[in-house]
Every structure is written in structure tokens, then in C-alpha cells.
N, C-alpha and C. Protein backbone atom coordinates (compact mmCIF):
# COMPACT_ATOMS: atom_id res chain seq x y z
N MET A 1 40.59 -30.59 34.82
CA MET A 1 39.17 -28.95 35.15
C MET A 1 39.51 -28.62 33.85
N THR A 2 38.25 -28.71 33.32
CA THR A 2 37.73 -28.49 31.64
C THR A 2 37.37 -25.95 31.99
N ARG A 3 38.52 -25.71 31.62
CA ARG A 3 38.35 -24.57 30.95
C ARG A 3 37.08 -24.26 30.05
N LYS A 4 36.23 -23.18 29.80
CA LYS A 4 35.67 -22.00 28.77
C LYS A 4 36.43 -21.40 27.84
N MET A 5 35.99 -21.84 26.29
CA MET A 5 36.94 -21.39 25.55
C MET A 5 36.28 -20.96 24.35
N LYS A 6 37.46 -20.38 23.82
CA LYS A 6 36.03 -19.09 22.35
C LYS A 6 37.04 -19.04 21.57
N ASP A 7 36.41 -18.57 20.31
CA ASP A 7 37.40 -18.63 19.19
C ASP A 7 37.91 -16.76 19.50
N SER A 8 39.64 -17.71 19.16
CA SER A 8 40.18 -16.65 18.92
C SER A 8 40.38 -15.19 18.05
N GLY A 9 39.63 -16.05 17.08
CA GLY A 9 39.57 -14.90 15.50
C GLY A 9 40.59 -14.92 14.51
N ILE A 10 41.36 -15.87 14.90
CA ILE A 10 42.42 -15.76 13.70
C ILE A 10 42.44 -17.83 13.99
N GLU A 11 42.50 -17.28 12.24
CA GLU A 11 42.18 -19.33 11.76
C GLU A 11 43.12 -20.77 12.39
N TRP A 12 43.86 -19.58 12.59
CA TRP A 12 45.21 -20.90 12.89
C TRP A 12 45.35 -21.21 13.78
N ILE A 13 45.05 -20.11 15.27
CA ILE A 13 44.76 -20.23 16.65
C ILE A 13 44.22 -21.22 17.08
N GLY A 14 43.17 -20.86 16.44
CA GLY A 14 41.61 -21.34 16.59
C GLY A 14 41.30 -21.01 17.86
N GLU A 15 40.84 -22.18 18.96
CA GLU A 15 40.17 -21.53 20.50
C GLU A 15 41.25 -21.08 21.63
N ILE A 16 40.86 -20.52 22.15
CA ILE A 16 41.69 -19.68 23.40
C ILE A 16 41.14 -19.95 24.98
N PRO A 17 41.50 -20.06 26.01
CA PRO A 17 40.86 -20.07 27.15
C PRO A 17 39.99 -18.55 27.19
N GLU A 18 39.22 -18.41 27.59
CA GLU A 18 37.98 -16.91 27.47
C GLU A 18 38.47 -15.98 27.99
N ASP A 19 39.79 -16.46 29.17
CA ASP A 19 39.51 -15.32 29.64
C ASP A 19 41.14 -14.40 29.22
N TRP A 20 41.45 -15.05 28.07
CA TRP A 20 42.79 -14.79 27.25
C TRP A 20 41.71 -13.18 26.53
N GLU A 21 43.21 -12.57 26.07
CA GLU A 21 43.06 -12.11 25.12
C GLU A 21 43.90 -12.24 24.21
N VAL A 22 43.90 -11.64 22.84
CA VAL A 22 44.44 -11.78 21.37
C VAL A 22 44.87 -10.40 21.25
N LYS A 23 46.48 -9.96 21.07
CA LYS A 23 47.37 -8.54 21.34
C LYS A 23 47.59 -9.04 20.30
N LYS A 24 47.96 -7.91 19.89
CA LYS A 24 49.98 -8.04 18.85
C LYS A 24 51.04 -7.91 19.62
N VAL A 25 52.33 -9.18 19.04
CA VAL A 25 52.83 -8.75 20.01
C VAL A 25 54.01 -7.61 20.06
N LYS A 26 53.51 -6.58 18.73
CA LYS A 26 53.79 -5.03 19.31
C LYS A 26 53.37 -4.23 20.02
N TYR A 27 52.84 -4.55 20.56
CA TYR A 27 51.88 -3.58 21.84
C TYR A 27 52.17 -4.17 23.24
N MET A 28 52.75 -5.08 23.02
CA MET A 28 53.05 -6.03 24.52
C MET A 28 54.60 -5.16 25.40
N PHE A 29 55.62 -5.12 23.79
CA PHE A 29 56.63 -4.50 24.52
C PHE A 29 57.37 -3.45 23.89
N ARG A 30 58.53 -3.07 24.62
CA ARG A 30 58.75 -2.10 23.48
C ARG A 30 60.03 -2.07 23.42
N ILE A 31 59.97 -1.76 21.90
CA ILE A 31 61.54 -2.38 20.76
C ILE A 31 61.90 -1.13 21.17
N VAL A 32 63.40 -0.98 21.08
CA VAL A 32 64.65 -0.27 21.08
C VAL A 32 65.80 -1.06 19.66
N ASN A 33 65.50 0.59 18.99
CA ASN A 33 66.71 0.12 18.02
C ASN A 33 67.81 1.17 18.95
N GLY A 34 69.11 0.38 18.48
CA GLY A 34 70.25 0.58 18.29
C GLY A 34 71.11 -0.11 19.25
N ASN A 35 72.59 0.82 20.71
CA ASN A 35 73.30 -0.20 21.54
C ASN A 35 72.06 0.82 22.42
N GLY A 36 71.37 0.34 23.37
CA GLY A 36 70.19 1.08 23.76
C GLY A 36 71.14 0.47 25.86
N PHE A 37 72.45 -0.56 25.96
CA PHE A 37 72.83 -1.31 26.67
C PHE A 37 74.23 -1.18 26.95
N PRO A 38 74.75 -0.64 28.32
CA PRO A 38 76.30 -0.35 28.12
C PRO A 38 76.70 -1.69 27.17
N GLU A 39 78.57 -1.57 27.11
CA GLU A 39 79.24 -2.47 27.05
C GLU A 39 79.54 -3.57 27.69
N ASN A 40 79.68 -3.20 29.06
CA ASN A 40 80.14 -4.37 29.82
C ASN A 40 79.11 -4.96 30.33
N LEU A 41 77.14 -5.01 30.28
CA LEU A 41 76.67 -5.33 30.43
C LEU A 41 76.17 -6.13 29.54
N GLN A 42 76.21 -6.34 28.23
CA GLN A 42 76.50 -6.99 27.14
C GLN A 42 76.09 -8.15 27.51
N GLY A 43 75.74 -9.38 26.82
CA GLY A 43 76.11 -10.37 27.25
C GLY A 43 76.20 -11.14 27.98
N GLU A 44 75.52 -10.56 29.54
CA GLU A 44 75.47 -11.05 30.60
C GLU A 44 73.96 -12.20 30.71
N LYS A 45 74.93 -13.43 31.58
CA LYS A 45 73.32 -14.31 31.13
C LYS A 45 73.20 -13.84 32.70
N GLU A 46 73.46 -13.53 33.76
CA GLU A 46 72.81 -13.70 34.81
C GLU A 46 72.42 -12.33 35.40
N GLY A 47 72.50 -12.38 36.34
CA GLY A 47 71.55 -10.71 37.76
C GLY A 47 70.00 -10.86 36.76
N ASP A 48 69.71 -9.47 37.37
CA ASP A 48 68.14 -9.14 37.44
C ASP A 48 67.95 -9.11 36.21
N TYR A 49 68.74 -8.70 35.12
CA TYR A 49 68.17 -8.24 33.83
C TYR A 49 69.26 -8.84 32.74
N PRO A 50 68.76 -10.51 32.55
CA PRO A 50 70.14 -11.34 31.55
C PRO A 50 69.61 -10.71 30.01
N PHE A 51 70.64 -10.46 29.15
CA PHE A 51 70.61 -9.78 28.06
C PHE A 51 71.80 -10.05 26.93
N TYR A 52 70.74 -10.67 26.07
CA TYR A 52 71.68 -11.33 25.13
C TYR A 52 70.49 -10.39 23.57
N LYS A 53 71.89 -10.55 23.06
CA LYS A 53 71.97 -10.10 21.43
C LYS A 53 71.56 -10.51 20.34
N ASN A 54 70.62 -10.18 19.43
CA ASN A 54 70.54 -11.25 18.33
C ASN A 54 71.35 -11.99 18.04
N SER A 55 72.69 -11.24 17.54
CA SER A 55 73.19 -12.45 17.46
C SER A 55 73.69 -13.31 17.74
N ASP A 56 73.83 -13.25 19.61
CA ASP A 56 73.89 -14.76 20.94
C ASP A 56 72.66 -15.90 20.49
N ILE A 57 71.67 -14.95 19.60
CA ILE A 57 70.82 -16.57 19.97
C ILE A 57 71.25 -17.28 18.59
N ASN A 58 71.70 -17.27 17.98
CA ASN A 58 71.99 -17.23 16.72
C ASN A 58 73.33 -18.86 16.99
N LYS A 59 74.07 -18.93 18.71
CA LYS A 59 75.08 -19.34 17.89
C LYS A 59 74.82 -20.56 18.24
N LEU A 60 75.22 -21.27 17.99
CA LEU A 60 75.33 -22.85 18.12
C LEU A 60 75.98 -22.96 20.00
N GLY A 61 74.65 -23.89 20.86
CA GLY A 61 75.30 -24.61 22.05
C GLY A 61 75.51 -23.05 23.23
N GLN A 62 74.87 -22.20 23.39
CA GLN A 62 74.14 -21.09 24.19
C GLN A 62 73.09 -21.04 24.20
């Protein structure tokens, strides 16, 4: 199946499928500063909403 493509308007991306939109990431998520999750939920890797802190992402083997 060949999809119709269009120019993304961003040189390093090139063409994207015609039905895709180009958006800045800041418009796709809500960024919350500080400690917004209770301590007992921080670091949970299971459940409906797994939670990872920035420091968890940098740990090797996780």
C-alpha cells in the first residue's frame, strides 16, 4: 500500500503521510513541574498509569 505524501515543512523530516499533522510537542502534552504524584505512587512500573521520574530514565538496566 502506497500512501500519499506531503512536505512536512521541516527540512530534516522531509515528507510525511498526507493525513498527518505537524505539531510542536509542547501542544501535545501538559507539563507539570514539581512533585505532582504521591510518594507511594512514584516509581510504579505497573498499573493504569506507570510513573517514571527523569532520574529513573537515566539508570542503567531499567
